Amino acid sequence: MAPPGEPAKAARLEGVQALRFLAALLVVIGHCQHEAVEALGAQAGAARFIAFDWGIGVDIFFVISGFIMWHLMQDSFGKPGEAQRFLRRRVLRIVPIYWLGTTAIALVTLAAFSPGESIPFALASYLFIPWPHPDGRGLFPVLTLGWTLNYEMMFYCVFALALTLPRRLGLTLLLSVFAALFVAARLAPPQAFMLKFWGDPIIFEFLFGIGLAALHRHRATLPGWVALIVAGAGFLLATWSYQTGAYHELARAITGGIPALLIVGAVVCGPRLSVSSRPARLAVLGGDASYALYLAHPFALKAVAAASAKLGLWTLAPVAPILAMLAAAVIVSVLIYRFVERPILSALQRHFARPAVRLGS
């Protein structure tokens, strides 16, 4: 998951922003459910039921990311300096609050491991490189949710390289690199964990988004009722994949990527979202804060879950802590977006936008 692109360069897609909020919220709901099951134990009951994998929010983010990058940059291929400007914008947008969250977790958790384990692991986490976690849980960074950003940064680097070429050649390069990563990962030994990670079929979800952006460029539109059916089909397909066990047998690009493509496609090609109503404006604000919501919600959830346990709310009213966790996660994310993320981004953009001072001037 990563922040949106540069809406100032193109018509703002309010529907996509609202969908980003929904995608982040799905991930939060999944983690709220996990907290509820942990707190209630054998008494969790209906709280254990999962209709579909809540992680489909990540698949939606990846499709949106591919869509937004191509939608904004499709006329910038081959232009001098565009690749550098693209990467600079992406780094300024993603790094600050991710590094803040990573540092907060690192200060608390990495002291339990030896320097030989913690230092390489921490450096890899800051640099968006997949690295084995010292506790053996897999290729998760210090801030666990950052595993998605390891894919995002790989995509941005390949996309930036493609931007140095004319559009047709750039697209050919994108497709070729992703295909090569996928094939190489299948042939590589288990020790090549970075290649195995970056060659996972989930990377094709970025290409799904690029294809959707190309379709959108040709003014492909859907009536409202058709868009609702397409989005509903996406969620039904995700539900079928999870309930039948196909989710555990097939590649995530199929069980998560195709439903996500249908959902994003319905929003992109359907009627434009009107922000005249208060709920729509709040949904768009949630989309603006979705990156903060995705990264910061575990902190809010843990705090509310712990407070609920001390107050006995899990026993008295089990639904109350879940609603409180959701509310706290959203409120905290908006505060972080307004008072941390946006000010930092504005300051960095002003600094890096300053013209170079010539000697003797």
Protein backbone atom coordinates (compact mmCIF):
# COMPACT_ATOMS: atom_id res chain seq x y z
CA MET A 1 0.00 0.00 0.00
CA ALA A 2 1.22 3.48 -0.81
CA PRO A 3 -0.07 7.04 -0.95
CA PRO A 4 -1.88 8.46 -3.96
CA GLY A 5 -0.12 10.10 -6.85
CA GLU A 6 -0.09 13.76 -7.85
CA PRO A 7 -3.73 14.83 -8.20
CA ALA A 8 -2.76 18.38 -9.15
CA LYS A 9 -1.47 17.11 -12.51
CA ALA A 10 -4.78 15.49 -13.47
CA ALA A 11 -8.45 15.63 -12.64
CA ARG A 12 -8.84 14.43 -9.09
CA LEU A 13 -10.49 11.04 -8.94
CA GLU A 14 -12.62 11.34 -5.82
CA GLY A 15 -14.03 7.85 -6.26
CA VAL A 16 -10.54 6.37 -6.21
CA GLN A 17 -9.70 8.32 -3.06
CA ALA A 18 -12.86 7.03 -1.36
CA LEU A 19 -11.94 3.51 -2.47
CA ARG A 20 -8.51 3.94 -0.90
CA PHE A 21 -10.26 4.65 2.40
CA LEU A 22 -12.37 1.50 2.01
CA ALA A 23 -9.28 -0.56 1.18
CA ALA A 24 -7.44 0.66 4.27
CA LEU A 25 -10.56 0.14 6.37
CA LEU A 26 -10.81 -3.50 5.23
CA VAL A 27 -7.28 -4.12 6.50
CA VAL A 28 -8.15 -2.40 9.79
CA ILE A 29 -11.31 -4.49 10.18
CA GLY A 30 -9.27 -7.65 9.72
CA HIS A 31 -6.86 -6.59 12.45
CA CYS A 32 -9.76 -5.57 14.73
CA GLN A 33 -11.14 -9.07 14.31
CA HIS A 34 -7.74 -10.52 15.24
CA GLU A 35 -7.66 -8.41 18.40
CA ALA A 36 -11.21 -9.50 19.28
CA VAL A 37 -10.42 -13.20 18.84
CA GLU A 38 -7.26 -12.85 20.96
CA ALA A 39 -9.15 -11.05 23.73
CA LEU A 40 -12.23 -13.29 23.75
CA GLY A 41 -10.49 -16.62 23.20
CA ALA A 42 -12.87 -19.57 23.10
CA GLN A 43 -15.81 -17.19 23.57
CA ALA A 44 -15.10 -15.32 20.31
CA GLY A 45 -17.93 -17.18 18.55
CA ALA A 46 -19.18 -15.28 15.51
CA ALA A 47 -16.16 -12.97 15.70
CA ARG A 48 -14.12 -15.80 14.17
CA PHE A 49 -16.11 -15.85 10.94
CA ILE A 50 -14.37 -14.33 7.91
CA ALA A 51 -16.39 -13.81 4.71
CA PHE A 52 -13.30 -13.04 2.62
CA ASP A 53 -9.69 -12.22 3.30
CA TRP A 54 -9.64 -8.67 4.66
CA GLY A 55 -6.22 -8.34 3.06
CA ILE A 56 -7.96 -7.72 -0.25
CA GLY A 57 -7.52 -4.10 0.76
CA VAL A 58 -3.83 -4.52 -0.13
CA ASP A 59 -4.73 -5.95 -3.54
CA ILE A 60 -6.99 -2.96 -4.15
CA PHE A 61 -4.12 -0.64 -3.19
CA PHE A 62 -1.75 -2.35 -5.64
CA VAL A 63 -4.23 -2.10 -8.52
CA ILE A 64 -4.87 1.56 -7.65
CA SER A 65 -1.13 2.21 -7.53
CA GLY A 66 -0.59 0.85 -11.04
CA PHE A 67 -3.62 2.78 -12.27
CA ILE A 68 -2.57 6.10 -10.74
CA MET A 69 1.04 5.90 -11.88
CA TRP A 70 0.07 5.24 -15.49
CA HIS A 71 -2.87 7.67 -15.41
CA LEU A 72 -0.61 10.52 -14.29
CA MET A 73 2.62 9.67 -16.08
CA GLN A 74 1.56 8.14 -19.42
CA ASP A 75 2.47 11.32 -21.32
CA SER A 76 5.81 11.77 -19.51
CA PHE A 77 7.70 8.83 -21.01
CA GLY A 78 10.95 9.74 -22.70
CA LYS A 79 11.04 13.30 -21.34
CA PRO A 80 14.37 14.35 -19.77
CA GLY A 81 14.36 14.42 -15.97
CA GLU A 82 10.90 12.85 -15.55
CA ALA A 83 12.24 9.64 -14.04
CA GLN A 84 14.20 11.53 -11.38
CA ARG A 85 11.26 13.80 -10.58
CA PHE A 86 8.94 10.81 -10.35
CA LEU A 87 11.19 8.95 -7.92
CA ARG A 88 11.76 12.07 -5.82
CA ARG A 89 8.02 12.63 -5.45
CA ARG A 90 7.46 8.98 -4.52
CA VAL A 91 10.23 8.98 -1.92
CA LEU A 92 9.07 12.24 -0.36
CA ARG A 93 5.54 10.91 -0.20
CA ILE A 94 6.28 7.48 1.25
CA VAL A 95 9.40 7.67 3.39
CA PRO A 96 8.78 10.21 6.21
CA ILE A 97 5.94 8.66 8.21
CA TYR A 98 7.05 5.13 7.34
CA TRP A 99 10.46 5.85 8.83
CA LEU A 100 8.82 7.45 11.88
CA GLY A 101 6.74 4.32 12.45
CA THR A 102 9.70 2.04 11.80
CA THR A 103 11.81 3.95 14.31
CA ALA A 104 9.09 3.79 16.96
CA ILE A 105 8.87 0.00 16.61
CA ALA A 106 12.63 -0.49 16.32
CA LEU A 107 13.33 1.34 19.60
CA VAL A 108 10.99 -1.03 21.42
CA THR A 109 11.59 -4.41 19.78
CA LEU A 110 15.09 -4.67 18.34
CA ALA A 111 16.84 -4.56 21.72
CA ALA A 112 15.81 -8.20 22.16
CA PHE A 113 18.11 -9.30 19.32
CA SER A 114 21.87 -9.26 18.87
CA PRO A 115 23.42 -6.40 16.83
CA GLY A 116 24.39 -8.92 14.16
CA GLU A 117 20.71 -9.69 13.67
CA SER A 118 19.06 -6.36 14.37
CA ILE A 119 21.33 -3.96 12.43
CA PRO A 120 21.07 -5.62 8.98
CA PHE A 121 17.37 -6.18 9.56
CA ALA A 122 16.76 -2.54 10.53
CA LEU A 123 18.77 -1.20 7.58
CA ALA A 124 16.86 -3.42 5.17
CA SER A 125 13.58 -2.20 6.68
CA TYR A 126 14.52 1.45 6.19
CA LEU A 127 15.65 0.76 2.61
CA PHE A 128 12.55 -1.23 1.57
CA ILE A 129 14.50 -4.45 1.07
CA PRO A 130 12.87 -7.77 2.09
CA TRP A 131 14.91 -9.37 4.88
CA PRO A 132 14.29 -12.31 7.23
CA HIS A 133 12.84 -11.16 10.55
CA PRO A 134 15.14 -12.08 13.48
CA ASP A 135 12.29 -13.91 15.22
CA GLY A 136 11.77 -16.16 12.19
CA ARG A 137 8.33 -14.86 11.22
CA GLY A 138 9.31 -14.39 7.55
CA LEU A 139 10.25 -11.50 5.28
CA PHE A 140 8.51 -8.80 7.27
CA PRO A 141 10.19 -5.45 8.07
CA VAL A 142 10.36 -3.80 11.49
CA LEU A 143 6.99 -2.18 10.87
CA THR A 144 5.30 -5.35 9.66
CA LEU A 145 2.79 -3.65 7.37
CA GLY A 146 5.72 -2.25 5.40
CA TRP A 147 5.97 -5.51 3.44
CA THR A 148 3.60 -3.95 0.92
CA LEU A 149 5.91 -0.95 0.53
CA ASN A 150 8.76 -3.28 -0.40
CA TYR A 151 6.68 -4.21 -3.44
CA GLU A 152 5.65 -0.61 -4.08
CA MET A 153 9.22 0.67 -4.10
CA MET A 154 10.30 -2.09 -6.47
CA PHE A 155 7.45 -1.09 -8.78
CA TYR A 156 8.41 2.58 -8.58
CA CYS A 157 12.04 1.83 -9.44
CA VAL A 158 11.09 -0.25 -12.49
CA PHE A 159 8.51 2.37 -13.51
CA ALA A 160 11.12 5.14 -13.22
CA LEU A 161 13.46 3.16 -15.45
CA ALA A 162 10.64 2.75 -17.96
CA LEU A 163 10.04 6.52 -17.92
CA THR A 164 13.47 7.07 -19.48
CA LEU A 165 12.18 5.42 -22.68
CA PRO A 166 9.41 6.26 -25.16
CA ARG A 167 6.05 5.03 -23.91
CA ARG A 168 5.79 1.88 -26.04
CA LEU A 169 9.33 0.81 -25.15
CA GLY A 170 8.77 1.76 -21.53
CA LEU A 171 5.68 -0.42 -21.31
CA THR A 172 7.58 -3.27 -22.98
CA LEU A 173 10.32 -2.88 -20.37
CA LEU A 174 7.78 -2.96 -17.52
CA LEU A 175 6.15 -6.12 -18.81
CA SER A 176 9.50 -7.78 -19.51
CA VAL A 177 10.97 -7.03 -16.06
CA PHE A 178 7.90 -8.30 -14.26
CA ALA A 179 7.77 -11.44 -16.39
CA ALA A 180 11.50 -12.02 -15.83
CA LEU A 181 11.11 -11.59 -12.06
CA PHE A 182 8.25 -14.08 -12.00
CA VAL A 183 10.15 -16.71 -14.02
CA ALA A 184 13.43 -16.19 -12.15
CA ALA A 185 11.67 -16.54 -8.79
CA ARG A 186 10.26 -19.89 -9.88
CA LEU A 187 13.74 -21.13 -10.85
CA ALA A 188 15.75 -19.59 -8.01
CA PRO A 189 16.86 -21.61 -4.96
CA PRO A 190 15.19 -20.90 -1.58
CA GLN A 191 18.23 -18.90 -0.44
CA ALA A 192 17.43 -16.20 -3.04
CA PHE A 193 14.76 -14.79 -0.75
CA MET A 194 14.77 -11.28 -2.26
CA LEU A 195 14.14 -12.66 -5.74
CA LYS A 196 11.50 -15.02 -4.39
CA PHE A 197 9.78 -12.06 -2.70
CA TRP A 198 9.86 -9.63 -5.64
CA GLY A 199 8.93 -12.36 -8.11
CA ASP A 200 5.69 -13.28 -6.35
CA PRO A 201 2.66 -13.19 -8.70
CA ILE A 202 1.18 -10.40 -6.59
CA ILE A 203 3.36 -7.98 -8.58
CA PHE A 204 1.07 -8.43 -11.58
CA GLU A 205 -1.60 -6.49 -9.72
CA PHE A 206 0.35 -3.31 -10.57
CA LEU A 207 0.06 -4.29 -14.24
CA PHE A 208 -3.68 -4.86 -13.79
CA GLY A 209 -3.90 -1.22 -12.73
CA ILE A 210 -1.85 -0.07 -15.71
CA GLY A 211 -4.18 -1.94 -18.06
CA LEU A 212 -7.16 -0.34 -16.36
CA ALA A 213 -5.60 3.12 -16.82
CA ALA A 214 -5.08 2.43 -20.53
CA LEU A 215 -8.75 1.42 -20.77
CA HIS A 216 -9.78 4.53 -18.85
CA ARG A 217 -7.82 6.71 -21.31
CA HIS A 218 -10.13 5.49 -24.07
CA ARG A 219 -13.10 6.86 -22.09
CA ALA A 220 -14.45 3.45 -21.11
CA THR A 221 -17.50 4.12 -18.95
CA LEU A 222 -20.07 2.01 -17.13
CA PRO A 223 -23.63 2.98 -16.14
CA GLY A 224 -24.13 3.14 -12.40
CA TRP A 225 -26.06 -0.11 -12.15
CA VAL A 226 -23.44 -1.98 -14.19
CA ALA A 227 -20.64 -0.57 -12.01
CA LEU A 228 -22.47 -1.84 -8.90
CA ILE A 229 -22.78 -5.30 -10.44
CA VAL A 230 -19.09 -5.37 -11.38
CA ALA A 231 -17.99 -4.27 -7.89
CA GLY A 232 -20.38 -6.77 -6.32
CA ALA A 233 -18.94 -9.50 -8.56
CA GLY A 234 -15.48 -8.60 -7.28
CA PHE A 235 -16.50 -9.05 -3.64
CA LEU A 236 -18.45 -12.22 -4.46
CA LEU A 237 -15.43 -13.68 -6.25
CA ALA A 238 -13.23 -12.81 -3.25
CA THR A 239 -15.76 -14.49 -0.96
CA TRP A 240 -15.92 -17.61 -3.15
CA SER A 241 -12.12 -17.82 -3.27
CA TYR A 242 -11.87 -17.70 0.52
CA GLN A 243 -14.82 -19.93 1.39
CA THR A 244 -13.86 -22.68 -1.09
CA GLY A 245 -10.19 -22.69 -0.09
CA ALA A 246 -9.06 -21.50 -3.54
CA TYR A 247 -7.43 -18.60 -1.70
CA HIS A 248 -4.94 -21.08 -0.25
CA GLU A 249 -4.33 -22.96 -3.50
CA LEU A 250 -4.10 -20.30 -6.20
CA ALA A 251 -1.82 -17.29 -6.59
CA ARG A 252 -2.95 -14.14 -4.81
CA ALA A 253 -2.90 -12.28 -8.13
CA ILE A 254 -5.89 -14.47 -9.04
CA THR A 255 -7.83 -14.75 -5.78
CA GLY A 256 -7.14 -11.17 -4.68
CA GLY A 257 -5.95 -9.36 -7.80
CA ILE A 258 -8.86 -10.18 -10.10
CA PRO A 259 -11.52 -9.23 -7.52
CA ALA A 260 -9.56 -6.03 -6.81
CA LEU A 261 -9.41 -5.27 -10.54
CA LEU A 262 -13.18 -5.61 -10.80
CA ILE A 263 -13.74 -3.39 -7.76
CA VAL A 264 -11.31 -0.67 -8.87
CA GLY A 265 -12.56 -0.89 -12.45
CA ALA A 266 -16.14 -0.35 -11.28
CA VAL A 267 -15.11 2.81 -9.44
CA VAL A 268 -12.85 4.15 -12.19
CA CYS A 269 -15.23 3.47 -15.08
CA GLY A 270 -18.46 4.09 -13.18
CA PRO A 271 -20.16 7.44 -12.53
CA ARG A 272 -17.94 10.06 -10.95
CA LEU A 273 -18.37 10.43 -7.20
CA SER A 274 -20.06 13.69 -6.22
CA VAL A 275 -18.54 15.30 -3.15
CA SER A 276 -21.54 17.52 -2.52
CA SER A 277 -22.67 15.31 0.36
CA ARG A 278 -20.95 15.18 3.74
CA PRO A 279 -20.44 11.38 3.72
CA ALA A 280 -18.72 11.59 0.33
CA ARG A 281 -16.43 14.38 1.54
CA LEU A 282 -15.58 12.37 4.65
CA ALA A 283 -14.81 9.32 2.49
CA VAL A 284 -12.45 11.39 0.34
CA LEU A 285 -10.78 12.77 3.48
CA GLY A 286 -10.40 9.18 4.65
CA GLY A 287 -8.74 8.42 1.33
CA ASP A 288 -6.32 11.31 1.83
CA ALA A 289 -5.47 9.87 5.25
CA SER A 290 -5.47 6.23 4.09
CA TYR A 291 -1.68 5.91 4.09
CA ALA A 292 -1.55 7.10 7.70
CA LEU A 293 -4.50 4.81 8.51
CA TYR A 294 -2.72 1.82 7.04
CA LEU A 295 0.58 2.42 8.84
CA ALA A 296 -0.63 3.76 12.19
CA HIS A 297 -3.74 1.73 12.93
CA PRO A 298 -1.92 -1.11 14.80
CA PHE A 299 -0.81 1.41 17.44
CA ALA A 300 -4.40 2.65 17.95
CA LEU A 301 -5.84 -0.87 17.97
CA LYS A 302 -3.38 -2.17 20.55
CA ALA A 303 -3.99 0.81 22.83
CA VAL A 304 -7.80 0.49 22.69
CA ALA A 305 -7.68 -3.30 23.07
CA ALA A 306 -5.47 -3.00 26.16
CA ALA A 307 -7.67 -0.29 27.69
CA SER A 308 -10.78 -2.38 26.98
CA ALA A 309 -9.23 -5.36 28.75
CA LYS A 310 -8.45 -3.28 31.84
CA LEU A 311 -12.00 -1.89 31.91
CA GLY A 312 -13.55 -5.31 31.35
CA LEU A 313 -15.33 -4.17 28.18
CA TRP A 314 -14.49 -7.36 26.29
CA THR A 315 -16.71 -9.25 28.75
CA LEU A 316 -19.39 -6.61 29.33
CA ALA A 317 -19.91 -5.44 25.74
CA PRO A 318 -17.64 -7.18 23.21
CA VAL A 319 -18.87 -5.06 20.31
CA ALA A 320 -17.90 -1.79 22.03
CA PRO A 321 -14.09 -2.34 21.88
CA ILE A 322 -14.32 -3.27 18.20
CA LEU A 323 -16.23 -0.09 17.35
CA ALA A 324 -13.87 1.92 19.56
CA MET A 325 -10.84 0.46 17.76
CA LEU A 326 -12.25 1.36 14.36
CA ALA A 327 -13.11 4.90 15.47
CA ALA A 328 -9.74 5.43 17.14
CA ALA A 329 -7.83 4.17 14.08
CA VAL A 330 -9.69 6.55 11.75
CA ILE A 331 -9.43 9.56 14.07
CA VAL A 332 -5.73 9.01 14.73
CA SER A 333 -5.03 8.63 11.01
CA VAL A 334 -6.75 11.92 10.16
CA LEU A 335 -4.80 13.70 12.92
CA ILE A 336 -1.53 12.23 11.66
CA TYR A 337 -2.38 13.20 8.10
CA ARG A 338 -3.33 16.76 9.04
CA PHE A 339 -0.64 17.55 11.61
CA VAL A 340 2.29 15.26 10.74
CA GLU A 341 2.20 13.81 7.24
CA ARG A 342 0.97 16.84 5.30
CA PRO A 343 3.20 19.43 7.04
CA ILE A 344 6.28 17.22 6.59
CA LEU A 345 5.47 16.65 2.92
CA SER A 346 4.90 20.37 2.32
CA ALA A 347 8.20 21.28 3.99
CA LEU A 348 10.13 18.67 2.00
CA GLN A 349 8.51 19.70 -1.26
CA ARG A 350 9.40 23.36 -0.64
CA HIS A 351 12.98 22.41 0.19
CA PHE A 352 13.54 20.22 -2.84
CA ALA A 353 11.71 22.61 -5.17
CA ARG A 354 14.13 25.44 -4.43
CA PRO A 355 16.26 26.37 -7.42
CA ALA A 356 19.96 25.75 -7.05
CA VAL A 357 21.95 28.82 -6.02
CA ARG A 358 24.66 29.60 -8.56
CA LEU A 359 28.12 30.63 -7.38
CA GLY A 360 28.70 34.35 -7.64
CA SER A 361 24.99 35.20 -7.71
